[in-house]
Amino acid sequence: MKTAPESLRVRLLDRDFQVACPPGEGAGLLRAAEFLDARMREARGEGLVGLDRIAVVVALNLAHERIELEERVGAGRGNALERLRALNRRLAFRLTGAEEPAERRL
């Protein structure tokens, strides 16, 4: 049986919004709302006007930051994976006693 979602009140730029969330995730939603409110206030302080415009600009900035972070993490994983592969090749050569080709050394 499904559990009914929680209904929470969040405050963004001095306006209240009722938001539903899965049971047990209310604390995370409230933290997210506090973070979003801070970012929206920052945008308003930089001269943006209107709740809709502020919300769209902040959402775009957050999406852009997320994409950049995912790309950096992905690139880091790729580099780490290649280093691990190279290390595995070196270990394999050492364990078999074979000479490792010079162009494949780290």
N, C-alpha and C. Protein backbone atom coordinates (compact mmCIF):
# COMPACT_ATOMS: atom_id res chain seq x y z
N MET A 1 0.84 -1.18 0.00
CA MET A 1 0.00 0.00 0.00
C MET A 1 0.89 1.24 0.00
N LYS A 2 0.57 2.20 -0.86
CA LYS A 2 1.33 3.44 -0.94
C LYS A 2 1.02 4.32 0.25
N THR A 3 2.08 4.97 0.73
CA THR A 3 1.91 5.94 1.80
C THR A 3 1.67 7.31 1.18
N ALA A 4 0.75 8.05 1.75
CA ALA A 4 0.40 9.37 1.22
C ALA A 4 1.59 10.33 1.37
N PRO A 5 1.77 11.19 0.38
CA PRO A 5 2.87 12.15 0.48
C PRO A 5 2.62 13.15 1.59
N GLU A 6 3.73 13.69 2.11
CA GLU A 6 3.65 14.75 3.11
C GLU A 6 3.36 16.07 2.39
N SER A 7 2.70 16.96 3.08
CA SER A 7 2.48 18.30 2.54
C SER A 7 3.22 19.28 3.44
N LEU A 8 4.16 20.00 2.85
CA LEU A 8 4.96 20.94 3.63
C LEU A 8 4.81 22.35 3.08
N ARG A 9 5.00 23.30 3.95
CA ARG A 9 4.99 24.70 3.55
C ARG A 9 6.44 25.15 3.45
N VAL A 10 6.80 25.69 2.28
CA VAL A 10 8.14 26.25 2.10
C VAL A 10 7.98 27.73 1.79
N ARG A 11 8.97 28.50 2.16
CA ARG A 11 8.93 29.94 1.96
C ARG A 11 10.06 30.35 1.03
N LEU A 12 9.68 30.96 -0.10
CA LEU A 12 10.65 31.45 -1.07
C LEU A 12 10.37 32.92 -1.34
N LEU A 13 11.35 33.75 -1.12
CA LEU A 13 11.21 35.19 -1.31
C LEU A 13 9.94 35.73 -0.65
N ASP A 14 9.77 35.36 0.59
CA ASP A 14 8.66 35.83 1.43
C ASP A 14 7.28 35.40 0.95
N ARG A 15 7.24 34.35 0.12
CA ARG A 15 5.96 33.78 -0.30
C ARG A 15 5.91 32.33 0.12
N ASP A 16 4.74 31.91 0.59
CA ASP A 16 4.56 30.53 1.04
C ASP A 16 4.04 29.66 -0.11
N PHE A 17 4.57 28.42 -0.16
CA PHE A 17 4.14 27.45 -1.15
C PHE A 17 3.91 26.12 -0.45
N GLN A 18 2.78 25.47 -0.74
CA GLN A 18 2.52 24.12 -0.23
C GLN A 18 3.12 23.15 -1.24
N VAL A 19 3.94 22.24 -0.74
CA VAL A 19 4.63 21.30 -1.62
C VAL A 19 4.47 19.90 -1.06
N ALA A 20 4.18 18.95 -1.93
CA ALA A 20 4.08 17.55 -1.52
C ALA A 20 5.44 16.89 -1.73
N CYS A 21 5.76 15.96 -0.83
CA CYS A 21 7.00 15.19 -0.99
C CYS A 21 6.78 13.80 -0.40
N PRO A 22 7.60 12.84 -0.82
CA PRO A 22 7.47 11.48 -0.28
C PRO A 22 7.69 11.47 1.22
N PRO A 23 7.04 10.56 1.93
CA PRO A 23 7.21 10.46 3.38
C PRO A 23 8.69 10.28 3.74
N GLY A 24 9.11 10.98 4.76
CA GLY A 24 10.48 10.88 5.25
C GLY A 24 11.47 11.78 4.55
N GLU A 25 11.03 12.50 3.53
CA GLU A 25 11.95 13.37 2.79
C GLU A 25 11.70 14.84 3.06
N GLY A 26 10.90 15.13 4.05
CA GLY A 26 10.56 16.52 4.36
C GLY A 26 11.76 17.35 4.78
N ALA A 27 12.64 16.79 5.58
CA ALA A 27 13.82 17.54 6.04
C ALA A 27 14.70 17.93 4.85
N GLY A 28 14.86 17.02 3.91
CA GLY A 28 15.66 17.33 2.72
C GLY A 28 15.01 18.40 1.87
N LEU A 29 13.69 18.34 1.76
CA LEU A 29 12.97 19.35 1.00
C LEU A 29 13.12 20.72 1.65
N LEU A 30 13.02 20.77 2.96
CA LEU A 30 13.17 22.05 3.66
C LEU A 30 14.57 22.62 3.49
N ARG A 31 15.60 21.75 3.53
CA ARG A 31 16.98 22.22 3.29
C ARG A 31 17.11 22.76 1.87
N ALA A 32 16.52 22.05 0.91
CA ALA A 32 16.57 22.50 -0.48
C ALA A 32 15.88 23.85 -0.64
N ALA A 33 14.75 24.01 0.04
CA ALA A 33 14.01 25.28 -0.04
C ALA A 33 14.83 26.42 0.56
N GLU A 34 15.52 26.16 1.66
CA GLU A 34 16.38 27.19 2.27
C GLU A 34 17.51 27.57 1.32
N PHE A 35 18.11 26.58 0.69
CA PHE A 35 19.18 26.83 -0.27
C PHE A 35 18.65 27.65 -1.44
N LEU A 36 17.51 27.23 -1.99
CA LEU A 36 16.91 27.93 -3.13
C LEU A 36 16.53 29.36 -2.76
N ASP A 37 15.95 29.55 -1.58
CA ASP A 37 15.58 30.89 -1.13
C ASP A 37 16.82 31.78 -1.06
N ALA A 38 17.92 31.26 -0.55
CA ALA A 38 19.16 32.05 -0.46
C ALA A 38 19.64 32.43 -1.85
N ARG A 39 19.61 31.49 -2.79
CA ARG A 39 20.06 31.79 -4.15
C ARG A 39 19.13 32.80 -4.83
N MET A 40 17.82 32.69 -4.56
CA MET A 40 16.87 33.63 -5.15
C MET A 40 17.06 35.03 -4.57
N ARG A 41 17.33 35.12 -3.27
CA ARG A 41 17.58 36.41 -2.65
C ARG A 41 18.86 37.05 -3.21
N GLU A 42 19.84 36.21 -3.46
CA GLU A 42 21.09 36.68 -4.06
C GLU A 42 20.83 37.26 -5.45
N ALA A 43 20.03 36.56 -6.24
CA ALA A 43 19.70 37.03 -7.59
C ALA A 43 18.90 38.33 -7.52
N ARG A 44 17.98 38.41 -6.58
CA ARG A 44 17.20 39.64 -6.43
C ARG A 44 18.11 40.79 -6.03
N GLY A 45 19.09 40.50 -5.18
CA GLY A 45 20.05 41.52 -4.77
C GLY A 45 20.91 42.02 -5.91
N GLU A 46 21.03 41.23 -6.97
CA GLU A 46 21.81 41.63 -8.14
C GLU A 46 20.95 42.37 -9.17
N GLY A 47 19.70 42.66 -8.79
CA GLY A 47 18.87 43.49 -9.65
C GLY A 47 17.76 42.80 -10.40
N LEU A 48 17.66 41.48 -10.31
CA LEU A 48 16.55 40.81 -10.97
C LEU A 48 15.25 41.14 -10.26
N VAL A 49 14.18 41.27 -11.04
CA VAL A 49 12.88 41.63 -10.47
C VAL A 49 11.84 40.63 -10.94
N GLY A 50 10.92 40.29 -10.06
CA GLY A 50 9.82 39.39 -10.39
C GLY A 50 10.15 37.96 -10.01
N LEU A 51 9.25 37.35 -9.27
CA LEU A 51 9.46 35.99 -8.78
C LEU A 51 9.71 35.01 -9.92
N ASP A 52 8.91 35.08 -10.98
CA ASP A 52 9.08 34.15 -12.09
C ASP A 52 10.45 34.29 -12.74
N ARG A 53 10.86 35.51 -13.00
CA ARG A 53 12.16 35.75 -13.64
C ARG A 53 13.30 35.28 -12.75
N ILE A 54 13.22 35.60 -11.47
CA ILE A 54 14.25 35.17 -10.53
C ILE A 54 14.31 33.65 -10.48
N ALA A 55 13.14 33.00 -10.40
CA ALA A 55 13.10 31.54 -10.32
C ALA A 55 13.71 30.90 -11.56
N VAL A 56 13.41 31.43 -12.74
CA VAL A 56 13.95 30.87 -13.98
C VAL A 56 15.46 31.05 -14.05
N VAL A 57 15.96 32.23 -13.72
CA VAL A 57 17.40 32.48 -13.77
C VAL A 57 18.14 31.59 -12.78
N VAL A 58 17.62 31.48 -11.57
CA VAL A 58 18.27 30.62 -10.57
C VAL A 58 18.22 29.16 -11.00
N ALA A 59 17.09 28.72 -11.53
CA ALA A 59 16.98 27.33 -11.99
C ALA A 59 17.99 27.05 -13.11
N LEU A 60 18.13 27.97 -14.05
CA LEU A 60 19.10 27.80 -15.12
C LEU A 60 20.53 27.76 -14.58
N ASN A 61 20.84 28.63 -13.63
CA ASN A 61 22.17 28.64 -13.03
C ASN A 61 22.45 27.32 -12.31
N LEU A 62 21.48 26.83 -11.55
CA LEU A 62 21.66 25.57 -10.83
C LEU A 62 21.82 24.40 -11.79
N ALA A 63 21.05 24.39 -12.87
CA ALA A 63 21.17 23.33 -13.87
C ALA A 63 22.55 23.38 -14.52
N HIS A 64 23.02 24.58 -14.84
CA HIS A 64 24.34 24.74 -15.45
C HIS A 64 25.43 24.26 -14.50
N GLU A 65 25.35 24.63 -13.24
CA GLU A 65 26.33 24.19 -12.24
C GLU A 65 26.32 22.66 -12.12
N ARG A 66 25.16 22.08 -12.14
CA ARG A 66 25.05 20.61 -12.03
C ARG A 66 25.69 19.92 -13.22
N ILE A 67 25.41 20.43 -14.41
CA ILE A 67 25.99 19.84 -15.62
C ILE A 67 27.51 19.95 -15.59
N GLU A 68 28.03 21.11 -15.22
CA GLU A 68 29.48 21.28 -15.12
C GLU A 68 30.08 20.31 -14.12
N LEU A 69 29.44 20.15 -12.99
CA LEU A 69 29.93 19.24 -11.97
C LEU A 69 29.93 17.79 -12.48
N GLU A 70 28.85 17.40 -13.14
CA GLU A 70 28.78 16.04 -13.70
C GLU A 70 29.88 15.81 -14.73
N GLU A 71 30.16 16.83 -15.55
CA GLU A 71 31.21 16.70 -16.55
C GLU A 71 32.58 16.57 -15.89
N ARG A 72 32.83 17.37 -14.85
CA ARG A 72 34.12 17.29 -14.14
C ARG A 72 34.28 15.94 -13.47
N VAL A 73 33.22 15.46 -12.84
CA VAL A 73 33.29 14.16 -12.17
C VAL A 73 33.49 13.06 -13.21
N GLY A 74 32.77 13.16 -14.32
CA GLY A 74 32.91 12.17 -15.39
C GLY A 74 34.32 12.17 -15.96
N ALA A 75 34.88 13.36 -16.18
CA ALA A 75 36.25 13.45 -16.71
C ALA A 75 37.23 12.88 -15.70
N GLY A 76 37.01 13.18 -14.44
CA GLY A 76 37.89 12.64 -13.40
C GLY A 76 37.82 11.13 -13.33
N ARG A 77 36.63 10.59 -13.50
CA ARG A 77 36.47 9.13 -13.50
C ARG A 77 37.19 8.52 -14.69
N GLY A 78 37.06 9.19 -15.86
CA GLY A 78 37.73 8.69 -17.05
C GLY A 78 39.23 8.67 -16.88
N ASN A 79 39.79 9.74 -16.33
CA ASN A 79 41.24 9.80 -16.09
C ASN A 79 41.66 8.75 -15.08
N ALA A 80 40.90 8.62 -14.04
CA ALA A 80 41.23 7.63 -13.01
C ALA A 80 41.13 6.22 -13.58
N LEU A 81 40.13 5.98 -14.41
CA LEU A 81 39.96 4.67 -15.01
C LEU A 81 41.14 4.34 -15.92
N GLU A 82 41.58 5.30 -16.71
CA GLU A 82 42.73 5.07 -17.60
C GLU A 82 44.00 4.81 -16.78
N ARG A 83 44.19 5.54 -15.70
CA ARG A 83 45.36 5.32 -14.83
C ARG A 83 45.31 3.92 -14.21
N LEU A 84 44.11 3.49 -13.81
CA LEU A 84 43.97 2.15 -13.25
C LEU A 84 44.26 1.08 -14.30
N ARG A 85 43.80 1.30 -15.51
CA ARG A 85 44.09 0.34 -16.59
C ARG A 85 45.59 0.24 -16.84
N ALA A 86 46.26 1.40 -16.87
CA ALA A 86 47.71 1.40 -17.09
C ALA A 86 48.43 0.69 -15.95
N LEU A 87 47.98 0.93 -14.74
CA LEU A 87 48.58 0.26 -13.58
C LEU A 87 48.35 -1.25 -13.65
N ASN A 88 47.14 -1.64 -14.04
CA ASN A 88 46.85 -3.07 -14.19
C ASN A 88 47.74 -3.72 -15.24
N ARG A 89 47.97 -3.02 -16.36
CA ARG A 89 48.86 -3.55 -17.39
C ARG A 89 50.27 -3.73 -16.83
N ARG A 90 50.76 -2.72 -16.10
CA ARG A 90 52.11 -2.82 -15.52
C ARG A 90 52.20 -3.99 -14.55
N LEU A 91 51.16 -4.13 -13.71
CA LEU A 91 51.16 -5.24 -12.76
C LEU A 91 51.14 -6.58 -13.48
N ALA A 92 50.36 -6.67 -14.54
CA ALA A 92 50.28 -7.92 -15.30
C ALA A 92 51.64 -8.27 -15.89
N PHE A 93 52.32 -7.27 -16.44
CA PHE A 93 53.65 -7.52 -16.99
C PHE A 93 54.63 -7.95 -15.90
N ARG A 94 54.57 -7.29 -14.75
CA ARG A 94 55.47 -7.63 -13.65
C ARG A 94 55.21 -9.04 -13.13
N LEU A 95 53.93 -9.38 -13.01
CA LEU A 95 53.59 -10.70 -12.48
C LEU A 95 53.97 -11.82 -13.44
N THR A 96 53.91 -11.55 -14.73
CA THR A 96 54.27 -12.59 -15.70
C THR A 96 55.76 -12.59 -16.00
N GLY A 97 56.47 -11.55 -15.56
CA GLY A 97 57.90 -11.45 -15.81
C GLY A 97 58.22 -10.96 -17.21
N ALA A 98 57.21 -10.57 -17.96
CA ALA A 98 57.43 -10.08 -19.33
C ALA A 98 57.93 -8.64 -19.29
N GLU A 99 58.58 -8.24 -20.34
CA GLU A 99 59.07 -6.86 -20.48
C GLU A 99 57.91 -5.99 -20.96
N GLU A 100 57.66 -4.90 -20.26
CA GLU A 100 56.59 -3.99 -20.65
C GLU A 100 57.08 -3.11 -21.79
N PRO A 101 56.28 -2.96 -22.86
CA PRO A 101 56.69 -2.07 -23.96
C PRO A 101 56.89 -0.65 -23.44
N ALA A 102 57.92 0.03 -23.91
CA ALA A 102 58.26 1.38 -23.43
C ALA A 102 57.12 2.36 -23.65
N GLU A 103 56.39 2.26 -24.77
CA GLU A 103 55.31 3.21 -25.05
C GLU A 103 54.11 3.02 -24.15
N ARG A 104 54.03 1.94 -23.41
CA ARG A 104 52.86 1.69 -22.54
C ARG A 104 53.16 2.00 -21.09
N ARG A 105 54.38 2.37 -20.78
CA ARG A 105 54.72 2.68 -19.38
C ARG A 105 54.08 3.98 -18.95
N LEU A 106 53.79 4.10 -17.63
CA LEU A 106 53.20 5.31 -17.07
C LEU A 106 54.16 6.47 -17.11
